[in-house]
C-alpha atoms as a PDB file:
ATOM      1  CA  MET A   1      -9.007  37.375   2.720  1.00  0.00           C
ATOM      2  CA  THR A   2      -7.965  35.342   5.759  1.00  0.00           C
ATOM      3  CA  VAL A   3      -4.392  34.269   6.463  1.00  0.00           C
ATOM      4  CA  LYS A   4      -5.307  30.627   5.745  1.00  0.00           C
ATOM      5  CA  THR A   5      -6.844  31.567   2.400  1.00  0.00           C
ATOM      6  CA  ALA A   6      -3.802  33.613   1.467  1.00  0.00           C
ATOM      7  CA  GLN A   7      -1.463  30.762   2.388  1.00  0.00           C
ATOM      8  CA  ALA A   8      -3.531  28.277   0.402  1.00  0.00           C
ATOM      9  CA  ARG A   9      -3.402  30.549  -2.645  1.00  0.00           C
ATOM     10  CA  ILE A  10       0.372  30.961  -2.255  1.00  0.00           C
ATOM     11  CA  ASN A  11       0.793  27.188  -2.025  1.00  0.00           C
ATOM     12  CA  LEU A  12      -1.325  26.701  -5.137  1.00  0.00           C
ATOM     13  CA  ALA A  13       0.667  29.354  -7.006  1.00  0.00           C
ATOM     14  CA  ASN A  14       3.898  27.562  -6.092  1.00  0.00           C
ATOM     15  CA  ILE A  15       2.502  24.248  -7.335  1.00  0.00           C
ATOM     16  CA  ILE A  16       1.435  25.805 -10.633  1.00  0.00           C
ATOM     17  CA  GLU A  17       4.833  27.413 -11.175  1.00  0.00           C
ATOM     18  CA  SER A  18       6.624  24.119 -10.452  1.00  0.00           C
ATOM     19  CA  LEU A  19       4.412  22.362 -13.016  1.00  0.00           C
ATOM     20  CA  LEU A  20       4.547  24.972 -15.762  1.00  0.00           C
ATOM     21  CA  GLY A  21       7.866  26.671 -15.174  1.00  0.00           C
ATOM     22  CA  TYR A  22       6.191  30.095 -15.178  1.00  0.00           C
ATOM     23  CA  PRO A  23       4.468  32.044 -12.384  1.00  0.00           C
ATOM     24  CA  VAL A  24       0.751  32.758 -12.278  1.00  0.00           C
ATOM     25  CA  THR A  25      -0.206  36.356 -11.500  1.00  0.00           C
ATOM     26  CA  LYS A  26      -3.363  38.363 -11.063  1.00  0.00           C
ATOM     27  CA  VAL A  27      -4.657  40.354 -14.001  1.00  0.00           C
ATOM     28  CA  PRO A  28      -4.638  44.106 -13.191  1.00  0.00           C
ATOM     29  CA  ASN A  29      -8.162  45.495 -12.942  1.00  0.00           C
ATOM     30  CA  ASN A  30      -9.062  48.918 -11.548  1.00  0.00           C
ATOM     31  CA  ASP A  31     -12.740  48.079 -11.154  1.00  0.00           C
ATOM     32  CA  THR A  32     -13.291  44.895  -9.110  1.00  0.00           C
ATOM     33  CA  SER A  33     -17.095  45.069  -9.253  1.00  0.00           C
ATOM     34  CA  PRO A  34     -18.491  41.776 -10.642  1.00  0.00           C
ATOM     35  CA  SER A  35     -21.105  43.670 -12.666  1.00  0.00           C
ATOM     36  CA  SER A  36     -18.607  45.982 -14.339  1.00  0.00           C
ATOM     37  CA  GLU A  37     -18.263  45.787 -18.143  1.00  0.00           C
ATOM     38  CA  GLN A  38     -14.519  45.409 -17.625  1.00  0.00           C
ATOM     39  CA  SER A  39     -15.176  42.011 -15.974  1.00  0.00           C
ATOM     40  CA  TYR A  40     -16.551  40.564 -19.220  1.00  0.00           C
ATOM     41  CA  ASN A  41     -15.075  40.059 -22.674  1.00  0.00           C
ATOM     42  CA  THR A  42     -16.783  40.835 -25.998  1.00  0.00           C
ATOM     43  CA  LYS A  43     -18.484  37.417 -25.964  1.00  0.00           C
ATOM     44  CA  GLY A  44     -20.079  38.073 -22.603  1.00  0.00           C
ATOM     45  CA  GLN A  45     -17.747  35.675 -20.787  1.00  0.00           C
ATOM     46  CA  VAL A  46     -16.219  36.557 -17.436  1.00  0.00           C
ATOM     47  CA  LYS A  47     -12.621  37.637 -17.864  1.00  0.00           C
ATOM     48  CA  PRO A  48     -10.067  35.491 -16.009  1.00  0.00           C
ATOM     49  CA  GLN A  49      -8.604  37.062 -12.891  1.00  0.00           C
ATOM     50  CA  TYR A  50      -5.271  35.244 -13.235  1.00  0.00           C
ATOM     51  CA  HIS A  51      -2.950  34.460 -16.109  1.00  0.00           C
ATOM     52  CA  ILE A  52       0.385  32.753 -16.708  1.00  0.00           C
ATOM     53  CA  ASN A  53       3.049  35.423 -16.572  1.00  0.00           C
ATOM     54  CA  SER A  54       5.177  34.676 -19.627  1.00  0.00           C
ATOM     55  CA  GLU A  55       6.028  36.379 -22.896  1.00  0.00           C
ATOM     56  CA  HIS A  56       6.691  33.028 -24.556  1.00  0.00           C
ATOM     57  CA  PRO A  57       4.074  31.613 -26.953  1.00  0.00           C
ATOM     58  CA  LEU A  58       1.846  28.714 -25.908  1.00  0.00           C
ATOM     59  CA  LEU A  59       3.859  26.105 -27.868  1.00  0.00           C
ATOM     60  CA  THR A  60       7.063  27.136 -26.129  1.00  0.00           C
ATOM     61  CA  ARG A  61       5.345  26.928 -22.764  1.00  0.00           C
ATOM     62  CA  ALA A  62       4.031  23.460 -23.627  1.00  0.00           C
ATOM     63  CA  LYS A  63       7.546  22.287 -24.480  1.00  0.00           C
ATOM     64  CA  GLN A  64       8.812  23.800 -21.238  1.00  0.00           C
ATOM     65  CA  ARG A  65       6.247  21.815 -19.256  1.00  0.00           C
ATOM     66  CA  GLN A  66       7.227  18.601 -21.035  1.00  0.00           C
ATOM     67  CA  ASP A  67      10.888  19.293 -20.269  1.00  0.00           C
ATOM     68  CA  LEU A  68      10.085  19.846 -16.590  1.00  0.00           C
ATOM     69  CA  LEU A  69       8.087  16.598 -16.518  1.00  0.00           C
ATOM     70  CA  ALA A  70      10.954  14.695 -18.152  1.00  0.00           C
ATOM     71  CA  ILE A  71      13.402  16.107 -15.615  1.00  0.00           C
ATOM     72  CA  LYS A  72      11.148  15.159 -12.697  1.00  0.00           C
ATOM     73  CA  ARG A  73      10.688  11.641 -14.011  1.00  0.00           C
ATOM     74  CA  GLN A  74      14.426  11.257 -14.495  1.00  0.00           C
ATOM     75  CA  GLN A  75      14.988  12.407 -10.907  1.00  0.00           C
ATOM     76  CA  ASN A  76      12.452   9.855  -9.674  1.00  0.00           C
ATOM     77  CA  ILE A  77      14.013   7.004 -11.651  1.00  0.00           C
ATOM     78  CA  GLU A  78      17.525   7.860 -10.482  1.00  0.00           C
ATOM     79  CA  ALA A  79      16.388   8.086  -6.848  1.00  0.00           C
ATOM     80  CA  ILE A  80      14.733   4.650  -7.060  1.00  0.00           C
ATOM     81  CA  LEU A  81      17.683   2.988  -8.798  1.00  0.00           C
ATOM     82  CA  THR A  82      20.219   4.342  -6.315  1.00  0.00           C
ATOM     83  CA  LYS A  83      18.006   3.201  -3.404  1.00  0.00           C
ATOM     84  CA  ALA A  84      17.890  -0.261  -5.000  1.00  0.00           C
ATOM     85  CA  MET A  85      21.691  -0.395  -4.954  1.00  0.00           C
ATOM     86  CA  GLU A  86      21.619   0.459  -1.244  1.00  0.00           C
ATOM     87  CA  PHE A  87      19.129  -2.346  -0.532  1.00  0.00           C
ATOM     88  CA  CYS A  88      20.868  -5.000  -2.640  1.00  0.00           C
ATOM     89  CA  PRO A  89      23.056  -7.371  -0.587  1.00  0.00           C
ATOM     90  CA  ASP A  90      26.569  -8.216  -1.769  1.00  0.00           C
ATOM     91  CA  VAL A  91      25.934 -11.845  -2.702  1.00  0.00           C
ATOM     92  CA  ALA A  92      26.939 -14.074  -5.610  1.00  0.00           C
ATOM     93  CA  SER A  93      24.290 -14.279  -8.310  1.00  0.00           C
ATOM     94  CA  ASN A  94      24.176 -14.717 -12.073  1.00  0.00           C
ATOM     95  CA  LYS A  95      20.434 -14.108 -12.386  1.00  0.00           C
ATOM     96  CA  HIS A  96      18.945 -11.246 -14.382  1.00  0.00           C
ATOM     97  CA  PRO A  97      15.408  -9.831 -14.459  1.00  0.00           C
ATOM     98  CA  ASP A  98      13.538 -10.189 -17.718  1.00  0.00           C
ATOM     99  CA  ALA A  99      14.309  -7.226 -20.024  1.00  0.00           C
ATOM    100  CA  ASP A 100      10.617  -6.583 -20.729  1.00  0.00           C
ATOM    101  CA  TRP A 101       9.921  -6.628 -16.981  1.00  0.00           C
ATOM    102  CA  VAL A 102      12.583  -3.957 -16.459  1.00  0.00           C
ATOM    103  CA  GLU A 103      11.018  -1.761 -19.153  1.00  0.00           C
ATOM    104  CA  HIS A 104       7.611  -2.068 -17.468  1.00  0.00           C
ATOM    105  CA  PHE A 105       9.230  -1.292 -14.123  1.00  0.00           C
ATOM    106  CA  ILE A 106      10.796   1.961 -15.375  1.00  0.00           C
ATOM    107  CA  ALA A 107       7.608   3.085 -17.118  1.00  0.00           C
ATOM    108  CA  LEU A 108       5.475   2.455 -14.031  1.00  0.00           C
ATOM    109  CA  CYS A 109       7.749   3.910 -11.340  1.00  0.00           C
ATOM    110  CA  GLU A 110       8.856   7.118 -13.069  1.00  0.00           C
ATOM    111  CA  ASP A 111       6.000   9.244 -11.679  1.00  0.00           C
ATOM    112  CA  THR A 112       6.655   8.275  -8.044  1.00  0.00           C
ATOM    113  CA  SER A 113       8.219  11.154  -6.137  1.00  0.00           C
ATOM    114  CA  ASN A 114       7.239  10.221  -2.572  1.00  0.00           C
ATOM    115  CA  SER A 115      10.348   8.950  -0.770  1.00  0.00           C
ATOM    116  CA  SER A 116       8.562   6.122   1.071  1.00  0.00           C
ATOM    117  CA  MET A 117       6.933   4.872  -2.119  1.00  0.00           C
ATOM    118  CA  GLN A 118      10.262   5.109  -3.944  1.00  0.00           C
ATOM    119  CA  ALA A 119      11.715   2.787  -1.297  1.00  0.00           C
ATOM    120  CA  LEU A 120       9.048   0.180  -2.115  1.00  0.00           C
ATOM    121  CA  TRP A 121       9.885   0.395  -5.807  1.00  0.00           C
ATOM    122  CA  ALA A 122      13.577   0.032  -4.994  1.00  0.00           C
ATOM    123  CA  LYS A 123      12.917  -3.077  -2.910  1.00  0.00           C
ATOM    124  CA  ILE A 124      10.931  -4.588  -5.790  1.00  0.00           C
ATOM    125  CA  LEU A 125      13.826  -4.094  -8.208  1.00  0.00           C
ATOM    126  CA  THR A 126      16.268  -5.547  -5.690  1.00  0.00           C
ATOM    127  CA  GLY A 127      14.044  -8.558  -5.032  1.00  0.00           C
ATOM    128  CA  GLU A 128      13.501  -9.189  -8.744  1.00  0.00           C
ATOM    129  CA  THR A 129      17.245  -8.968  -9.382  1.00  0.00           C
ATOM    130  CA  LEU A 130      17.985 -11.540  -6.691  1.00  0.00           C
ATOM    131  CA  ASN A 131      15.140 -13.832  -7.700  1.00  0.00           C
ATOM    132  CA  PRO A 132      13.557 -13.103 -11.115  1.00  0.00           C
ATOM    133  CA  GLY A 133       9.827 -13.830 -11.207  1.00  0.00           C
ATOM    134  CA  THR A 134       9.175 -12.703  -7.632  1.00  0.00           C
ATOM    135  CA  PHE A 135       7.055  -9.698  -8.627  1.00  0.00           C
ATOM    136  CA  SER A 136       4.457  -9.760 -11.391  1.00  0.00           C
ATOM    137  CA  ILE A 137       3.601  -6.888 -13.710  1.00  0.00           C
ATOM    138  CA  LYS A 138       0.194  -6.835 -12.004  1.00  0.00           C
ATOM    139  CA  SER A 139       1.887  -6.067  -8.679  1.00  0.00           C
ATOM    140  CA  LEU A 140       3.810  -3.222 -10.313  1.00  0.00           C
ATOM    141  CA  GLN A 141       0.597  -1.789 -11.751  1.00  0.00           C
ATOM    142  CA  THR A 142      -1.087  -2.008  -8.343  1.00  0.00           C
ATOM    143  CA  LEU A 143       1.800  -0.217  -6.631  1.00  0.00           C
ATOM    144  CA  LYS A 144       1.761   2.555  -9.254  1.00  0.00           C
ATOM    145  CA  HIS A 145      -1.806   3.477  -8.350  1.00  0.00           C
ATOM    146  CA  MET A 146      -1.362   3.171  -4.583  1.00  0.00           C
ATOM    147  CA  THR A 147      -1.367   6.320  -2.486  1.00  0.00           C
ATOM    148  CA  GLN A 148       0.765   6.765   0.608  1.00  0.00           C
ATOM    149  CA  ARG A 149      -2.356   6.305   2.747  1.00  0.00           C
ATOM    150  CA  GLU A 150      -3.078   2.983   1.045  1.00  0.00           C
ATOM    151  CA  ALA A 151       0.529   1.918   1.513  1.00  0.00           C
ATOM    152  CA  ASP A 152       0.183   2.774   5.212  1.00  0.00           C
ATOM    153  CA  SER A 153      -2.904   0.539   5.416  1.00  0.00           C
ATOM    154  CA  LEU A 154      -0.905  -2.296   3.856  1.00  0.00           C
ATOM    155  CA  GLN A 155       1.894  -1.791   6.376  1.00  0.00           C
ATOM    156  CA  LYS A 156      -0.580  -1.875   9.266  1.00  0.00           C
ATOM    157  CA  CYS A 157      -2.204  -5.067   8.023  1.00  0.00           C
ATOM    158  CA  VAL A 158       1.155  -6.735   7.428  1.00  0.00           C
ATOM    159  CA  SER A 159       1.790  -6.371  11.174  1.00  0.00           C
ATOM    160  CA  LEU A 160      -1.202  -8.699  11.680  1.00  0.00           C
ATOM    161  CA  SER A 161      -0.429 -11.140   8.895  1.00  0.00           C
ATOM    162  CA  GLY A 162       1.231 -14.466   9.462  1.00  0.00           C
ATOM    163  CA  TYR A 163       3.154 -16.212   6.702  1.00  0.00           C
ATOM    164  CA  ASN A 164       2.263 -19.843   6.107  1.00  0.00           C
ATOM    165  CA  GLU A 165       5.282 -21.446   4.485  1.00  0.00           C
ATOM    166  CA  LYS A 166       3.388 -24.566   3.419  1.00  0.00           C
ATOM    167  CA  ASP A 167       1.254 -22.710   0.869  1.00  0.00           C
ATOM    168  CA  ASP A 168       3.465 -19.584   0.523  1.00  0.00           C
ATOM    169  CA  SER A 169       0.722 -17.197   1.596  1.00  0.00           C
ATOM    170  CA  HIS A 170      -0.045 -14.511   4.175  1.00  0.00           C
ATOM    171  CA  PHE A 171      -3.260 -14.285   6.130  1.00  0.00           C
ATOM    172  CA  ILE A 172      -4.769 -12.412   9.068  1.00  0.00           C
ATOM    173  CA  LEU A 173      -6.134 -14.805  11.669  1.00  0.00           C
ATOM    174  CA  LEU A 174      -9.618 -13.772  12.810  1.00  0.00           C
ATOM    175  CA  GLY A 175     -10.548 -16.560  15.220  1.00  0.00           C
ATOM    176  CA  PHE A 176     -11.906 -20.100  15.240  1.00  0.00           C
ATOM    177  CA  TYR A 177     -14.916 -22.228  16.082  1.00  0.00           C
ATOM    178  CA  LYS A 178     -15.498 -25.839  17.017  1.00  0.00           C
ATOM    179  CA  LYS A 179     -17.492 -27.673  14.384  1.00  0.00           C
ATOM    180  CA  PRO A 180     -20.770 -28.945  15.908  1.00  0.00           C
ATOM    181  CA  SER A 181     -21.271 -32.686  16.029  1.00  0.00           C
ATOM    182  CA  LEU A 182     -24.355 -34.617  14.931  1.00  0.00           C
ATOM    183  CA  PHE A 183     -25.488 -34.609  18.556  1.00  0.00           C
ATOM    184  CA  ASP A 184     -25.137 -30.813  18.822  1.00  0.00           C
ATOM    185  CA  LEU A 185     -26.676 -29.445  15.634  1.00  0.00           C
ATOM    186  CA  LEU A 186     -28.166 -26.386  17.293  1.00  0.00           C
ATOM    187  CA  ARG A 187     -24.796 -25.116  18.470  1.00  0.00           C
ATOM    188  CA  LYS A 188     -22.843 -23.010  15.968  1.00  0.00           C
ATOM    189  CA  GLY A 189     -19.631 -24.049  17.596  1.00  0.00           C
ATOM    190  CA  ASN A 190     -18.987 -21.226  20.036  1.00  0.00           C
ATOM    191  CA  LYS A 191     -17.077 -19.074  17.605  1.00  0.00           C
ATOM    192  CA  VAL A 192     -14.223 -17.089  19.127  1.00  0.00           C
ATOM    193  CA  SER A 193     -13.297 -13.888  17.263  1.00  0.00           C
ATOM    194  CA  LEU A 194     -10.371 -11.499  17.599  1.00  0.00           C
ATOM    195  CA  ASN A 195     -11.323  -7.837  17.951  1.00  0.00           C
ATOM    196  CA  LEU A 196      -8.977  -6.257  15.400  1.00  0.00           C
ATOM    197  CA  GLY A 197     -10.224  -2.812  16.417  1.00  0.00           C
ATOM    198  CA  LYS A 198      -8.143  -3.086  19.586  1.00  0.00           C
ATOM    199  CA  THR A 199      -4.955  -3.301  17.525  1.00  0.00           C
ATOM    200  CA  GLY A 200      -5.328   0.239  16.196  1.00  0.00           C
ATOM    201  CA  ILE A 201      -6.225  -1.055  12.748  1.00  0.00           C
ATOM    202  CA  GLY A 202      -9.713  -0.156  11.599  1.00  0.00           C
ATOM    203  CA  PHE A 203     -12.011  -1.976   9.217  1.00  0.00           C
ATOM    204  CA  PRO A 204     -11.447   0.829   6.643  1.00  0.00           C
ATOM    205  CA  ASP A 205      -7.829  -0.374   6.409  1.00  0.00           C
ATOM    206  CA  ILE A 206      -9.092  -3.880   5.640  1.00  0.00           C
ATOM    207  CA  LEU A 207     -11.556  -2.530   3.068  1.00  0.00           C
ATOM    208  CA  THR A 208      -8.767  -0.508   1.446  1.00  0.00           C
ATOM    209  CA  LEU A 209      -6.753  -3.671   0.807  1.00  0.00           C
ATOM    210  CA  MET A 210      -9.843  -5.446  -0.476  1.00  0.00           C
ATOM    211  CA  ASP A 211     -10.534  -2.576  -2.892  1.00  0.00           C
ATOM    212  CA  LEU A 212      -6.928  -2.813  -4.112  1.00  0.00           C
ATOM    213  CA  ASN A 213      -7.388  -6.573  -4.582  1.00  0.00           C
ATOM    214  CA  LEU A 214      -4.671  -7.274  -2.012  1.00  0.00           C
ATOM    215  CA  LEU A 215      -7.066  -9.156   0.286  1.00  0.00           C
ATOM    216  CA  TYR A 216      -9.849 -11.534  -0.707  1.00  0.00           C
ATOM    217  CA  ARG A 217     -13.206 -10.012   0.169  1.00  0.00           C
ATOM    218  CA  LYS A 218     -14.656 -13.055   1.890  1.00  0.00           C
ATOM    219  CA  GLU A 219     -13.578 -14.528   5.190  1.00  0.00           C
ATOM    220  CA  ILE A 220     -11.972 -17.927   4.570  1.00  0.00           C
ATOM    221  CA  GLU A 221     -12.087 -21.030   6.757  1.00  0.00           C
ATOM    222  CA  SER A 222      -9.385 -23.640   7.158  1.00  0.00           C
ATOM    223  CA  ALA A 223      -9.875 -27.354   6.798  1.00  0.00           C
ATOM    224  CA  VAL A 224     -11.116 -29.058   9.947  1.00  0.00           C
ATOM    225  CA  LEU A 225      -8.168 -29.592  12.284  1.00  0.00           C
ATOM    226  CA  LYS A 226      -7.570 -32.806  14.169  1.00  0.00           C
ATOM    227  CA  ALA A 227      -6.227 -33.070  17.700  1.00  0.00           C
ATOM    228  CA  GLY A 228      -2.454 -32.634  17.652  1.00  0.00           C
ATOM    229  CA  GLN A 229      -2.410 -31.010  14.210  1.00  0.00           C
ATOM    230  CA  GLU A 230      -0.066 -28.021  13.983  1.00  0.00           C
ATOM    231  CA  LEU A 231       0.099 -24.767  12.023  1.00  0.00           C
ATOM    232  CA  THR A 232       3.155 -22.486  12.057  1.00  0.00           C
ATOM    233  CA  LEU A 233       2.926 -18.797  11.161  1.00  0.00           C
ATOM    234  CA  SER A 234       5.868 -16.429  10.721  1.00  0.00           C
ATOM    235  CA  PHE A 235       5.765 -12.750  11.752  1.00  0.00           C
ATOM    236  CA  LEU A 236       9.074 -11.221  10.641  1.00  0.00           C
ATOM    237  CA  SER A 237      11.412 -12.140  13.532  1.00  0.00           C
ATOM    238  CA  GLN A 238       8.898 -14.324  15.411  1.00  0.00           C
ATOM    239  CA  LYS A 239       7.090 -17.568  14.755  1.00  0.00           C
ATOM    240  CA  VAL A 240       4.116 -19.117  16.483  1.00  0.00           C
ATOM    241  CA  THR A 241       3.071 -22.749  16.326  1.00  0.00           C
ATOM    242  CA  LEU A 242      -0.585 -23.511  16.963  1.00  0.00           C
ATOM    243  CA  LYS A 243      -1.296 -27.080  18.084  1.00  0.00           C
ATOM    244  CA  ALA A 244      -4.920 -28.144  18.305  1.00  0.00           C
ATOM    245  CA  LYS A 245      -5.849 -29.671  21.660  1.00  0.00           C
ATOM    246  CA  ASN A 246      -9.045 -31.187  20.267  1.00  0.00           C
ATOM    247  CA  SER A 247     -10.471 -32.225  16.920  1.00  0.00           C
ATOM    248  CA  ASP A 248     -13.085 -30.441  14.793  1.00  0.00           C
ATOM    249  CA  LEU A 249     -11.518 -26.974  15.151  1.00  0.00           C
ATOM    250  CA  VAL A 250     -11.815 -24.559  12.220  1.00  0.00           C
ATOM    251  CA  LEU A 251      -9.721 -21.384  11.862  1.00  0.00           C
ATOM    252  CA  SER A 252     -11.081 -18.297  10.084  1.00  0.00           C
ATOM    253  CA  TYR A 253      -8.936 -15.643   8.410  1.00  0.00           C
ATOM    254  CA  TYR A 254      -8.545 -12.986   5.739  1.00  0.00           C
ATOM    255  CA  LYS A 255      -6.239 -14.255   3.006  1.00  0.00           C
ATOM    256  CA  PHE A 256      -3.953 -12.109   0.889  1.00  0.00           C
ATOM    257  CA  THR A 257      -4.232 -12.423  -2.878  1.00  0.00           C
ATOM    258  CA  GLN A 258      -1.181 -13.257  -4.985  1.00  0.00           C
ATOM    259  CA  THR A 259      -0.572  -9.534  -5.524  1.00  0.00           C
ATOM    260  CA  GLY A 260      -1.017  -8.925  -1.801  1.00  0.00           C
ATOM    261  CA  ASP A 261       1.478 -11.681  -1.008  1.00  0.00           C
ATOM    262  CA  GLU A 262       4.040 -10.171  -3.366  1.00  0.00           C
ATOM    263  CA  LEU A 263       3.723  -6.643  -2.003  1.00  0.00           C
ATOM    264  CA  SER A 264       3.664  -7.866   1.610  1.00  0.00           C
ATOM    265  CA  LYS A 265       7.179  -9.203   1.136  1.00  0.00           C
ATOM    266  CA  LEU A 266       8.389  -5.623   0.690  1.00  0.00           C
ATOM    267  CA  ILE A 267       7.364  -4.602   4.194  1.00  0.00           C
ATOM    268  CA  ARG A 268       9.392  -5.730   7.187  1.00  0.00           C
ATOM    269  CA  PHE A 269       7.240  -4.873  10.151  1.00  0.00           C
ATOM    270  CA  PRO A 270       7.111  -6.709  13.520  1.00  0.00           C
ATOM    271  CA  VAL A 271       3.956  -8.356  14.765  1.00  0.00           C
ATOM    272  CA  ASN A 272       1.481  -5.980  16.354  1.00  0.00           C
ATOM    273  CA  LYS A 273       1.932  -6.474  20.140  1.00  0.00           C
ATOM    274  CA  VAL A 274      -1.765  -6.085  20.919  1.00  0.00           C
ATOM    275  CA  TYR A 275      -2.663  -8.532  18.151  1.00  0.00           C
ATOM    276  CA  LYS A 276      -0.190 -11.055  19.564  1.00  0.00           C
ATOM    277  CA  GLN A 277      -1.877 -10.801  22.953  1.00  0.00           C
ATOM    278  CA  LEU A 278      -5.316 -11.170  21.378  1.00  0.00           C
ATOM    279  CA  VAL A 279      -4.195 -14.352  19.609  1.00  0.00           C
ATOM    280  CA  ASN A 280      -2.823 -15.789  22.835  1.00  0.00           C
ATOM    281  CA  THR A 281      -5.961 -14.978  24.827  1.00  0.00           C
ATOM    282  CA  ALA A 282      -8.449 -16.156  22.197  1.00  0.00           C
ATOM    283  CA  LEU A 283      -6.752 -19.428  21.243  1.00  0.00           C
ATOM    284  CA  GLU A 284      -5.240 -20.668  24.501  1.00  0.00           C
ATOM    285  CA  GLY A 285      -8.363 -22.609  25.445  1.00  0.00           C
ATOM    286  CA  GLU A 286      -8.324 -24.895  22.410  1.00  0.00           C
ATOM    287  CA  PHE A 287      -4.720 -24.586  21.189  1.00  0.00           C
ATOM    288  CA  ASP A 288      -1.232 -24.893  22.598  1.00  0.00           C
ATOM    289  CA  LEU A 289       0.718 -21.825  21.437  1.00  0.00           C
ATOM    290  CA  ALA A 290       4.512 -21.683  21.261  1.00  0.00           C
ATOM    291  CA  TRP A 291       6.185 -18.429  20.249  1.00  0.00           C
ATOM    292  CA  HIS A 292       9.884 -18.247  19.477  1.00  0.00           C
ATOM    293  CA  THR A 293      12.258 -15.707  17.985  1.00  0.00           C
ATOM    294  CA  THR A 294      13.932 -16.308  14.639  1.00  0.00           C
ATOM    295  CA  LYS A 295      17.046 -14.735  13.186  1.00  0.00           C
END
């Protein structure tokens, strides 16, 4: 047995004991030969090499496991609720979340033990307390099934997403093209695309959000912009205003779903610096860009 194998088995034994409340140990066996009669029971089945080391009957052990689970869930709930108090600002408010919503919240968050994920749950409760109706039950259900890796993908993509206040939505700008005129039907419009791979965010991150139904699967195009028409996007502490220099320009982007919009509000992450540079370089030919810092 190698050191790595031994360590893996020790780790697994520790996990089992934390789940059951009893240690798992190896069954004593003087003859370790696989073909030995001692390796089989009377039904011809291979005897287990490990067993749960406890003199208590199975029912007692089952109750012990349920007690441990209840304790763990209570610890998770208390950790999330206390974090929510830390996040909640000291402001005047007489609003209250819907009682049924709170019950769903508790039932869905109680199995979350990861500290980073607990923080997201806490921010949801704080946001719903300040403004009831901000987070849907669907968003809670999505968060419950998210892994830390998936949450990391969401955080990465939020650093690329601009918030459009006019339609209360987030989207990731991908580029633009100039709509061909009747006299230029053979030209696709010289589409200009941003290489998101340079930002450190891979397409698997995008696919992850699509699989979670946080991003729409199809690339979306804006309405045709006229010369002088403006679009303002917010990136946490910065805003950028895009002003079309010419008419017939069409922006393309990945749009967040309603659930994606709701969960994106939990993550305060500055705009990706490389992405900002890509936007400036790609759009400066056909747009006037004005960045400014917000409070």
